[in-house]
Each structure stands twice: as C-alpha cells, then as structure tokens.
Amino acid sequence: MPALRRDGRIRAALALSAAAVLSMTACAGTGGNARVETAEASGDGVLRVGMILDNAGDNAFLNAPQLAAAKLAVQDINAAGGHKGRPVELLPVHPVQDAGKQAKDLAAAKADVVIGPTDSSHAAAAVDVLSHARIPVISPANTAAGLSGLASGGYYFRTAAADVAQGPVLAKLAKDSGAATISVLYQEGSYGKDLSAAVTDAATKSGLTVLPGAGFKDGAAAETARSTAKAKPDAVVLIAREGAQDALAGLDSAGLTGSRIILSDGAFARYGSRLGSGTLEGTRAVVPGQLPTAAFQAKLLAVDPALKDVSYAAETYDAVTLAALAAARAQDDAGRSIAGNLIAVSGGAAGPGAGVPAAPCLSYKECLGGLAAGPDINYDGESGPVAFDAKGDITTALFSVYTFGPDNNPSLSGRETAGHSG
C-alpha cells in the first residue's frame, strides 16, 4: 500500500488565511465555549457518527481511506461494547454533495458528531451549520492555520496539525545539516506566508541567521529562486505547492542543490526525471503524521480490500474513537456532552496550569477501562498523541522526514515531533 499521499496537488486547496476564516464565520457558531462548558445529559442513547467527504476530481481518492477508517473505528468500538451497551451507528455518506448540504443532512439525521471535512476551505460552511445544531465537528485533515480562530462556539476540533506546526521542524532540519544561515523561499499565499513566518521565528530562536526571504508568484519561481541563491545561504527552506518544481529548477541552475534544500510538505513529491539526475540527492522533506503501522493497514484492507491509499486514515480513526470516549466519559451521546469532554479524553488542557496528563491508553477498549477507574484518561491513537488545546487544535504534531536519492525520489528516513502549549 502506498505511503501518505500529501503532495502539492492534493493539498492545494487547504490554505485559508485567518482573516478569510474570521470574515466568513463572523456569525458562525453559538454563544459560549462548548469545549469547557458542563452540559446536562440530553442524548437519546444512540451515538450516531456522521461524515463529510468533500473530495472530488483528482482528490476523490481521499474519500476511501477516511471512510474505511471510520468504519473500522466503529467496528472496534462496538466490539468493545459500543456506547453504554448499544451499537454506535455510522450514518450514510453523500460525497457528491457540497459540505454545507452534507452538514444540513447530517443534522437532520440526528448526528451526534461529524467527522470532516477534508478541505480547509469547506470547514466554515460545515461548522456554520453544525455548531448551531450543537454538533461537534472533528476534521482529520484541515491544516489551514487560520482555522485556529474559527468561530464555532467550541464545536470545532481537528486531529491534523496546522500547517505552521512544521515550522520548527523545518528549521531544525536546516540546523541539523550544519547550516548557520538559511533563506526561506516561499510561494505567495496564506500557506507560504504563514509557514515562512513560522520557520523564520523558529530558526531565529534556534540561533540560525535568517537571510532576507523571498516570495514568488506563479510563473516567477525560477527567477526568484536564482535571486535567493545569490545570497549564498547555507540552506534554503522551500515552501511551495504548484510552484515547487520550477523553484527547484531555478535553485539547481544557480548551483544550490541536494542536502542544502529543505522542503515543506506542500513541495513533497516524487520528482524523478522531471529534474536533472541527482538534483535532489540529500534533500529532505517533511510530511505530517506517521506511516500507519502494518497492523493498522491490514485492518483497513479487511474493511476495504480495494483501498490504495491511507492518507488521513489514522486521523479519522482517532477522531471517531475520541468522540466515542468523550461520550463515554459524559455517559451521554449528545453533541454538547461530546464537545465538553473531548479535551479531557485526549489528554489535553483548556488552559495553562494543568496537571500532568494520565498515562496514555491506546484503544477504545483500554481507555474505557481507564474511565471505569477515574475521569482522567489520555488517548494516544493510530496518529500518535492528540491532546487538544482550548482552540480544538492538537498540541503535539508528528512528522515523517523523507530524504531524496539520486533519482529525485524520496524515502522515509526519520521522524520529528513538534509541539506547543495551548
């Protein structure tokens, strides 16, 4: 089964500026903050999980791994006794509809929690509907930095790290290579600008000298790359999506190649013969998450034998499991109760001064046993630690590091962890 497929084409639509998010959602959500409020039990006894699968065209392949993972999670939860002895239900999916319509249909179907959407630019439409219905939304794939400020009344969470979380990792890879000076070359747009700022901040704090950065527009990548190389940085961090190949060709023509280049996740791809032989030999790139274990992949294949990709499967599985654990902690399947317990079951904290989280439990069944002994559990799942903060973001992000060979194709070479305090 192929590794994670998160190249520039797949994630091109996932960048959304904070200003755009806040503008579109000025009226979204409900009053208060459901993440920290106590709610009286109001569920009907059946935990219903909905999904928004918003991928079409070239990205349609992302639907299958998420659906398989959700089905697998529900199977595992029900095998462990379900919710209060009753089976958890996975509602029918309708990926041909837009995210807003799917959200309305799921609210009408009495969903208690909704997993999705994939595309960051669809989050506002889904949350606007579901937060008013007091239904929490847990996206396994939203990465736009601006979504940390999404007005949701506390009903929005995500098990994927924001794009900017990779900033410290990119800076660390540059420093680990022996670089003392770096330049940040980025494609203009919210993804490039936000991540460039995160890399610059992390690099400066780590003692690196950051030379003046440069942003490029479509069609001007090669020229800007050559200009950046003239400053003779020890390393260049390239943050781009569609323009990555042109930027790499420009750096190559200026004599800056190989291990002196660090790629963001958007620039990660199998370049092969599209670049000159050996151009990227030694280049490193980061990809969010970790390759799912062989055991987890086997379980996914048992659910969907035709599965060809595992992108966002682990994050989806964990989203469903966390929702069920939140309902178990509350002893209630209502959306308000789930939203109010997600931070607690993830091992996270709603603010500073929280105590040390409980020892991790690694499955619904194991964590359910932990809840029988006390209210404090700490689910670490297939995607790794989660630990939601007060904004519904994960506070620990895992990244896979890939190193390119002489054929300009990447191979897994390591892992890095980045974190922040909520």
Protein backbone atom coordinates (compact mmCIF):
# COMPACT_ATOMS: atom_id res chain seq x y z
CA MET A 1 0.00 0.00 0.00
CA PRO A 2 1.42 3.44 -0.88
CA ALA A 3 2.61 5.77 1.85
CA LEU A 4 0.85 9.03 2.64
CA ARG A 5 0.00 11.00 -0.50
CA ARG A 6 0.08 14.63 0.56
CA ASP A 7 1.81 16.42 -2.25
CA GLY A 8 1.10 19.91 -3.55
CA ARG A 9 -1.72 18.84 -5.86
CA ILE A 10 -3.62 17.08 -3.08
CA ARG A 11 -3.43 19.89 -0.59
CA ALA A 12 -3.51 22.89 -2.89
CA ALA A 13 -6.92 24.00 -1.66
CA LEU A 14 -6.18 23.62 2.04
CA ALA A 15 -4.74 27.08 2.72
CA LEU A 16 -7.05 29.68 4.17
CA SER A 17 -5.95 32.93 5.80
CA ALA A 18 -7.04 33.80 9.31
CA ALA A 19 -8.73 36.94 8.01
CA ALA A 20 -10.74 34.97 5.47
CA VAL A 21 -11.81 32.42 8.06
CA LEU A 22 -12.93 35.04 10.54
CA SER A 23 -14.68 37.04 7.83
CA MET A 24 -16.67 34.07 6.60
CA THR A 25 -17.61 32.95 10.09
CA ALA A 26 -18.37 36.17 11.88
CA CYS A 27 -21.85 34.87 12.57
CA ALA A 28 -20.98 31.20 12.87
CA GLY A 29 -21.24 29.12 15.98
CA THR A 30 -23.21 29.52 19.14
CA GLY A 31 -22.53 31.57 22.21
CA GLY A 32 -20.12 30.34 24.85
CA ASN A 33 -17.44 27.68 24.52
CA ALA A 34 -18.72 24.11 24.41
CA ARG A 35 -15.17 22.77 24.83
CA VAL A 36 -15.13 23.80 28.50
CA GLU A 37 -18.80 24.00 29.48
CA THR A 38 -20.65 21.41 31.54
CA ALA A 39 -23.74 20.09 29.82
CA GLU A 40 -26.70 18.17 31.17
CA ALA A 41 -27.34 14.80 29.56
CA SER A 42 -29.74 15.16 26.65
CA GLY A 43 -28.88 12.32 24.24
CA ASP A 44 -31.27 9.64 23.08
CA GLY A 45 -28.97 6.74 23.94
CA VAL A 46 -27.65 6.06 20.45
CA LEU A 47 -24.31 7.54 19.40
CA ARG A 48 -24.53 8.49 15.72
CA VAL A 49 -21.41 9.43 13.78
CA GLY A 50 -21.68 11.40 10.54
CA MET A 51 -19.02 12.08 7.92
CA ILE A 52 -18.46 14.89 5.45
CA LEU A 53 -16.49 13.56 2.47
CA ASP A 54 -15.90 16.63 0.36
CA ASN A 55 -13.39 15.37 -2.19
CA ALA A 56 -13.99 15.34 -5.92
CA GLY A 57 -11.94 15.17 -9.10
CA ASP A 58 -8.23 14.48 -8.54
CA ASN A 59 -8.76 14.39 -4.76
CA ALA A 60 -11.61 11.87 -4.76
CA PHE A 61 -9.21 9.09 -3.72
CA LEU A 62 -9.04 10.69 -0.25
CA ASN A 63 -12.62 9.62 0.48
CA ALA A 64 -11.90 5.88 0.60
CA PRO A 65 -9.27 5.79 3.39
CA GLN A 66 -11.31 8.09 5.61
CA LEU A 67 -14.47 6.04 5.16
CA ALA A 68 -12.62 2.78 5.77
CA ALA A 69 -11.04 4.19 8.93
CA ALA A 70 -14.39 5.42 10.27
CA LYS A 71 -15.97 2.03 9.63
CA LEU A 72 -13.04 0.31 11.34
CA ALA A 73 -13.28 2.60 14.37
CA VAL A 74 -17.00 1.94 14.73
CA GLN A 75 -16.35 -1.81 14.44
CA ASP A 76 -13.73 -1.68 17.18
CA ILE A 77 -15.91 0.45 19.43
CA ASN A 78 -18.87 -1.87 19.03
CA ALA A 79 -16.69 -4.92 19.61
CA ALA A 80 -15.78 -3.36 22.97
CA GLY A 81 -19.44 -2.90 23.92
CA GLY A 82 -20.42 0.19 21.96
CA HIS A 83 -21.79 3.21 23.80
CA LYS A 84 -23.47 2.19 27.05
CA GLY A 85 -24.11 -1.26 25.64
CA ARG A 86 -25.69 -0.08 22.39
CA PRO A 87 -24.02 -0.15 18.97
CA VAL A 88 -22.56 3.08 17.62
CA GLU A 89 -24.04 3.97 14.23
CA LEU A 90 -22.16 5.36 11.22
CA LEU A 91 -24.59 7.39 9.13
CA PRO A 92 -24.68 7.09 5.31
CA VAL A 93 -22.26 9.35 3.41
CA HIS A 94 -23.04 11.52 0.39
CA PRO A 95 -19.72 12.74 -1.06
CA VAL A 96 -21.30 14.14 -4.23
CA GLN A 97 -22.98 16.91 -2.22
CA ASP A 98 -21.21 20.08 -1.11
CA ALA A 99 -20.06 20.33 2.50
CA GLY A 100 -22.86 22.65 3.59
CA LYS A 101 -25.57 20.37 2.20
CA GLN A 102 -23.95 17.32 3.80
CA ALA A 103 -23.88 19.16 7.13
CA LYS A 104 -27.59 20.02 6.91
CA ASP A 105 -28.49 16.43 6.06
CA LEU A 106 -26.41 15.08 8.94
CA ALA A 107 -28.05 17.47 11.39
CA ALA A 108 -31.45 16.29 10.13
CA ALA A 109 -30.31 12.66 10.57
CA LYS A 110 -29.57 13.41 14.25
CA ALA A 111 -25.79 13.03 14.05
CA ASP A 112 -24.16 13.49 17.45
CA VAL A 113 -20.70 14.17 16.00
CA VAL A 114 -19.43 14.76 12.46
CA ILE A 115 -16.02 13.75 11.13
CA GLY A 116 -14.71 16.02 8.36
CA PRO A 117 -14.44 17.95 6.14
CA THR A 118 -11.12 17.28 4.40
CA ASP A 119 -10.71 20.61 2.61
CA SER A 120 -9.92 23.53 4.91
CA SER A 121 -11.84 25.91 2.67
CA HIS A 122 -15.03 23.90 3.33
CA ALA A 123 -14.72 23.97 7.13
CA ALA A 124 -16.56 27.25 7.64
CA ALA A 125 -19.66 26.12 5.74
CA ALA A 126 -19.87 22.85 7.68
CA VAL A 127 -19.22 24.39 11.08
CA ASP A 128 -21.70 27.20 10.48
CA VAL A 129 -24.48 24.62 10.16
CA LEU A 130 -23.38 22.09 12.74
CA SER A 131 -22.32 24.43 15.54
CA HIS A 132 -25.79 25.97 15.55
CA ALA A 133 -27.15 22.45 15.89
CA ARG A 134 -24.69 21.86 18.76
CA ILE A 135 -22.95 19.07 16.90
CA PRO A 136 -19.16 18.90 17.26
CA VAL A 137 -17.05 18.71 14.10
CA ILE A 138 -13.71 16.88 14.16
CA SER A 139 -11.70 17.23 10.97
CA PRO A 140 -9.00 14.66 10.30
CA ALA A 141 -7.39 16.76 7.58
CA ASN A 142 -7.92 20.52 7.97
CA THR A 143 -4.49 22.18 8.17
CA ALA A 144 -5.03 25.90 7.42
CA ALA A 145 -3.50 27.99 10.21
CA GLY A 146 -6.42 30.43 10.22
CA LEU A 147 -8.84 27.75 11.36
CA SER A 148 -7.46 28.01 14.89
CA GLY A 149 -9.57 31.16 15.10
CA LEU A 150 -12.71 29.66 13.57
CA ALA A 151 -15.83 30.92 15.36
CA SER A 152 -17.60 27.72 16.31
CA GLY A 153 -18.82 28.15 19.85
CA GLY A 154 -16.32 25.48 20.84
CA TYR A 155 -17.67 22.80 18.48
CA TYR A 156 -14.69 22.58 16.09
CA PHE A 157 -11.70 20.27 16.59
CA ARG A 158 -9.09 18.72 14.30
CA THR A 159 -6.81 15.72 14.64
CA ALA A 160 -4.47 17.07 11.94
CA ALA A 161 -1.81 19.63 12.78
CA ALA A 162 -1.97 23.15 11.37
CA ASP A 163 0.46 23.84 8.52
CA VAL A 164 2.54 26.17 10.69
CA ALA A 165 3.33 23.35 13.14
CA GLN A 166 6.05 22.15 10.76
CA GLY A 167 7.94 25.45 11.05
CA PRO A 168 10.16 24.36 13.96
CA VAL A 169 10.82 21.01 12.27
CA LEU A 170 11.95 22.65 9.03
CA ALA A 171 14.26 24.96 10.99
CA LYS A 172 15.66 22.02 12.98
CA LEU A 173 16.41 20.04 9.81
CA ALA A 174 18.36 23.01 8.45
CA LYS A 175 20.33 23.36 11.66
CA ASP A 176 20.97 19.63 11.91
CA SER A 177 22.56 19.79 8.45
CA GLY A 178 25.19 22.16 9.81
CA ALA A 179 23.73 25.33 8.34
CA ALA A 180 24.43 28.62 10.10
CA THR A 181 22.48 30.76 7.64
CA ILE A 182 19.23 29.99 5.83
CA SER A 183 16.93 31.62 3.33
CA VAL A 184 13.21 30.95 3.15
CA LEU A 185 11.82 30.76 -0.38
CA TYR A 186 8.04 30.65 -0.41
CA GLN A 187 5.10 30.69 -2.79
CA GLU A 188 2.87 33.67 -2.13
CA GLY A 189 -0.44 32.95 -0.47
CA SER A 190 -1.51 32.22 3.09
CA TYR A 191 0.21 28.81 3.19
CA GLY A 192 3.56 30.24 2.11
CA LYS A 193 3.45 33.41 4.15
CA ASP A 194 2.20 31.83 7.38
CA LEU A 195 4.66 28.95 7.25
CA SER A 196 7.53 31.23 6.20
CA ALA A 197 6.91 33.32 9.32
CA ALA A 198 6.85 30.18 11.48
CA VAL A 199 10.14 28.92 10.02
CA THR A 200 11.79 32.32 10.41
CA ASP A 201 10.70 32.59 14.04
CA ALA A 202 11.85 29.06 14.92
CA ALA A 203 15.16 29.44 13.07
CA THR A 204 15.96 32.73 14.81
CA LYS A 205 15.18 31.25 18.22
CA SER A 206 17.47 28.30 17.46
CA GLY A 207 20.40 30.60 16.69
CA LEU A 208 20.33 30.47 12.90
CA THR A 209 20.84 33.62 10.87
CA VAL A 210 17.88 34.10 8.56
CA LEU A 211 18.75 35.96 5.39
CA PRO A 212 16.04 38.08 3.73
CA GLY A 213 13.29 35.80 2.46
CA ALA A 214 11.65 35.92 -0.92
CA GLY A 215 8.15 35.15 -2.08
CA PHE A 216 7.25 34.26 -5.63
CA LYS A 217 4.10 34.34 -7.70
CA ASP A 218 3.03 31.80 -10.29
CA GLY A 219 5.44 31.81 -13.19
CA ALA A 220 8.23 33.61 -11.33
CA ALA A 221 9.52 30.76 -9.16
CA ALA A 222 12.74 30.05 -11.07
CA GLU A 223 13.79 33.69 -11.25
CA THR A 224 13.11 34.27 -7.54
CA ALA A 225 14.97 31.07 -6.65
CA ARG A 226 18.06 32.19 -8.56
CA SER A 227 17.92 35.54 -6.79
CA THR A 228 17.67 33.82 -3.42
CA ALA A 229 20.69 31.64 -4.19
CA LYS A 230 22.83 34.73 -4.84
CA ALA A 231 22.79 35.46 -1.10
CA LYS A 232 24.75 32.20 -0.66
CA PRO A 233 22.75 30.75 2.25
CA ASP A 234 23.98 27.51 3.78
CA ALA A 235 20.49 26.10 3.26
CA VAL A 236 17.20 27.05 1.65
CA VAL A 237 13.80 26.11 3.04
CA LEU A 238 11.36 25.88 0.13
CA ILE A 239 7.69 26.38 1.00
CA ALA A 240 5.52 25.86 -2.04
CA ARG A 241 2.93 23.75 -3.77
CA GLU A 242 2.35 24.10 -7.50
CA GLY A 243 5.47 26.23 -7.97
CA ALA A 244 7.85 23.85 -6.20
CA GLN A 245 9.27 22.17 -9.30
CA ASP A 246 10.06 25.47 -11.03
CA ALA A 247 11.67 26.79 -7.85
CA LEU A 248 13.83 23.68 -7.55
CA ALA A 249 14.91 24.02 -11.18
CA GLY A 250 15.86 27.63 -10.50
CA LEU A 251 17.91 26.70 -7.44
CA ASP A 252 19.62 23.98 -9.47
CA SER A 253 20.57 26.42 -12.21
CA ALA A 254 22.15 28.63 -9.54
CA GLY A 255 24.16 25.73 -8.13
CA LEU A 256 22.09 25.20 -4.98
CA THR A 257 21.07 21.55 -4.81
CA GLY A 258 20.97 18.41 -2.69
CA SER A 259 21.31 18.49 1.09
CA ARG A 260 21.23 22.30 1.13
CA ILE A 261 17.48 22.19 0.38
CA ILE A 262 14.69 21.51 2.88
CA LEU A 263 11.15 21.05 1.54
CA SER A 264 7.83 21.77 3.22
CA ASP A 265 5.03 19.23 2.94
CA GLY A 266 3.45 21.09 0.03
CA ALA A 267 6.63 20.69 -2.01
CA PHE A 268 6.94 16.98 -1.24
CA ALA A 269 6.59 14.85 -4.38
CA ARG A 270 8.27 12.16 -6.46
CA TYR A 271 10.10 14.39 -8.93
CA GLY A 272 12.07 11.67 -10.73
CA SER A 273 13.09 12.63 -14.26
CA ARG A 274 11.28 15.96 -14.05
CA LEU A 275 14.53 17.34 -12.58
CA GLY A 276 18.10 16.68 -13.61
CA SER A 277 19.66 13.49 -12.27
CA GLY A 278 20.93 13.94 -8.71
CA THR A 279 19.43 17.41 -8.28
CA LEU A 280 17.71 16.46 -5.03
CA GLU A 281 20.14 13.87 -3.71
CA GLY A 282 20.28 14.51 0.05
CA THR A 283 17.34 16.94 0.03
CA ARG A 284 14.97 16.40 2.94
CA ALA A 285 11.24 16.98 3.21
CA VAL A 286 8.63 16.76 5.94
CA VAL A 287 5.18 15.17 5.74
CA PRO A 288 2.64 15.49 8.56
CA GLY A 289 1.86 12.34 10.51
CA GLN A 290 3.49 8.96 10.56
CA LEU A 291 3.17 6.00 8.26
CA PRO A 292 0.40 3.77 9.66
CA THR A 293 1.56 0.52 11.13
CA ALA A 294 1.35 -2.66 9.09
CA ALA A 295 -1.26 -3.98 11.52
CA PHE A 296 -3.47 -0.92 11.08
CA GLN A 297 -3.13 -1.04 7.30
CA ALA A 298 -4.11 -4.72 7.35
CA LYS A 299 -7.23 -3.87 9.35
CA LEU A 300 -8.12 -1.14 6.87
CA LEU A 301 -7.73 -3.58 3.98
CA ALA A 302 -10.04 -6.00 5.75
CA VAL A 303 -12.68 -3.26 5.70
CA ASP A 304 -11.96 -2.18 2.11
CA PRO A 305 -9.85 -4.66 0.10
CA ALA A 306 -9.70 -2.19 -2.79
CA LEU A 307 -8.02 0.51 -0.70
CA LYS A 308 -5.00 2.06 -2.45
CA ASP A 309 -4.09 4.90 -0.11
CA VAL A 310 -4.03 5.58 3.63
CA SER A 311 -3.99 9.39 3.71
CA TYR A 312 -5.82 10.74 6.78
CA ALA A 313 -6.98 7.24 7.77
CA ALA A 314 -5.22 7.30 11.16
CA GLU A 315 -6.51 10.79 11.93
CA THR A 316 -10.04 9.72 11.01
CA TYR A 317 -9.89 6.59 13.15
CA ASP A 318 -8.71 8.66 16.11
CA ALA A 319 -11.42 11.29 15.59
CA VAL A 320 -14.17 8.67 15.80
CA THR A 321 -12.58 6.96 18.80
CA LEU A 322 -12.13 10.23 20.68
CA ALA A 323 -15.77 11.13 20.09
CA ALA A 324 -16.90 7.80 21.49
CA LEU A 325 -14.61 8.18 24.51
CA ALA A 326 -15.96 11.69 25.13
CA ALA A 327 -19.50 10.29 25.07
CA ALA A 328 -18.42 7.52 27.44
CA ARG A 329 -16.87 9.99 29.88
CA ALA A 330 -20.03 12.07 29.83
CA GLN A 331 -22.28 9.00 29.88
CA ASP A 332 -24.25 10.88 27.24
CA ASP A 333 -24.24 10.87 23.44
CA ALA A 334 -25.45 14.44 22.89
CA GLY A 335 -23.20 16.78 20.92
CA ARG A 336 -22.75 19.27 23.77
CA SER A 337 -21.55 16.49 26.07
CA ILE A 338 -19.11 15.18 23.47
CA ALA A 339 -17.67 18.64 22.80
CA GLY A 340 -17.27 19.27 26.53
CA ASN A 341 -15.27 16.08 27.09
CA LEU A 342 -13.02 15.84 24.03
CA ILE A 343 -10.16 17.81 25.61
CA ALA A 344 -10.26 15.65 28.73
CA VAL A 345 -10.15 12.27 26.98
CA SER A 346 -7.38 13.40 24.62
CA GLY A 347 -5.02 14.20 27.48
CA GLY A 348 -5.17 17.89 26.59
CA ALA A 349 -5.79 21.01 28.62
CA ALA A 350 -8.06 24.02 28.19
CA GLY A 351 -5.52 26.41 29.67
CA PRO A 352 -2.20 26.84 31.47
CA GLY A 353 -1.54 25.28 34.83
CA ALA A 354 -2.99 21.87 34.05
CA GLY A 355 -1.53 18.87 35.78
CA VAL A 356 0.43 16.04 34.22
CA PRO A 357 -1.80 14.02 31.87
CA ALA A 358 -2.62 10.43 32.67
CA ALA A 359 -0.56 7.63 31.20
CA PRO A 360 -1.61 7.01 27.59
CA CYS A 361 -4.20 4.39 26.72
CA LEU A 362 -4.04 3.11 23.17
CA SER A 363 -7.50 1.86 22.22
CA TYR A 364 -11.18 2.47 22.91
CA LYS A 365 -11.37 -0.71 24.98
CA GLU A 366 -8.29 0.14 27.06
CA CYS A 367 -9.38 3.74 27.61
CA LEU A 368 -12.88 2.62 28.55
CA GLY A 369 -11.30 0.55 31.29
CA GLY A 370 -9.42 3.64 32.42
CA LEU A 371 -12.65 5.61 32.67
CA ALA A 372 -14.03 2.93 34.99
CA ALA A 373 -11.25 3.82 37.43
CA GLY A 374 -11.47 7.60 37.14
CA PRO A 375 -12.28 10.55 34.86
CA ASP A 376 -8.73 11.17 33.63
CA ILE A 377 -7.60 9.30 30.52
CA ASN A 378 -5.19 10.15 27.72
CA TYR A 379 -5.94 8.53 24.37
CA ASP A 380 -2.95 8.16 22.07
CA GLY A 381 -4.11 6.60 18.83
CA GLU A 382 -3.04 5.48 15.41
CA SER A 383 -1.93 9.02 14.51
CA GLY A 384 0.01 9.44 17.77
CA PRO A 385 -0.68 11.79 20.70
CA VAL A 386 -3.57 14.22 20.25
CA ALA A 387 -4.00 16.39 23.39
CA PHE A 388 -6.49 19.04 22.23
CA ASP A 389 -5.96 22.60 23.41
CA ALA A 390 -8.53 25.31 24.12
CA LYS A 391 -8.86 26.02 20.38
CA GLY A 392 -9.51 22.40 19.46
CA ASP A 393 -6.03 22.03 17.94
CA ILE A 394 -3.68 19.15 18.71
CA THR A 395 -0.70 20.19 20.80
CA THR A 396 1.76 17.56 19.61
CA ALA A 397 2.38 17.03 15.91
CA LEU A 398 4.30 14.13 14.45
CA PHE A 399 6.15 14.48 11.14
CA SER A 400 7.78 11.95 8.87
CA VAL A 401 11.10 13.01 7.34
CA TYR A 402 11.98 11.87 3.83
CA THR A 403 15.39 12.04 2.14
CA PHE A 404 15.70 12.11 -1.64
CA GLY A 405 18.02 9.81 -3.54
CA PRO A 406 19.92 10.39 -6.80
CA ASP A 407 16.73 9.50 -8.72
CA ASN A 408 15.00 12.56 -7.15
CA ASN A 409 12.52 10.33 -5.33
CA PRO A 410 12.01 10.30 -1.53
CA SER A 411 12.42 7.53 1.04
CA LEU A 412 11.38 7.62 4.69
CA SER A 413 14.44 8.48 6.79
CA GLY A 414 13.24 9.66 10.19
CA ARG A 415 10.59 11.24 12.38
CA GLU A 416 10.31 14.52 14.22
CA THR A 417 7.88 15.89 16.80
CA ALA A 418 6.74 19.46 17.23
CA GLY A 419 4.55 20.78 19.98
CA HIS A 420 3.10 23.88 21.52
CA SER A 421 1.32 24.78 24.72
CA GLY A 422 -2.29 25.70 24.22
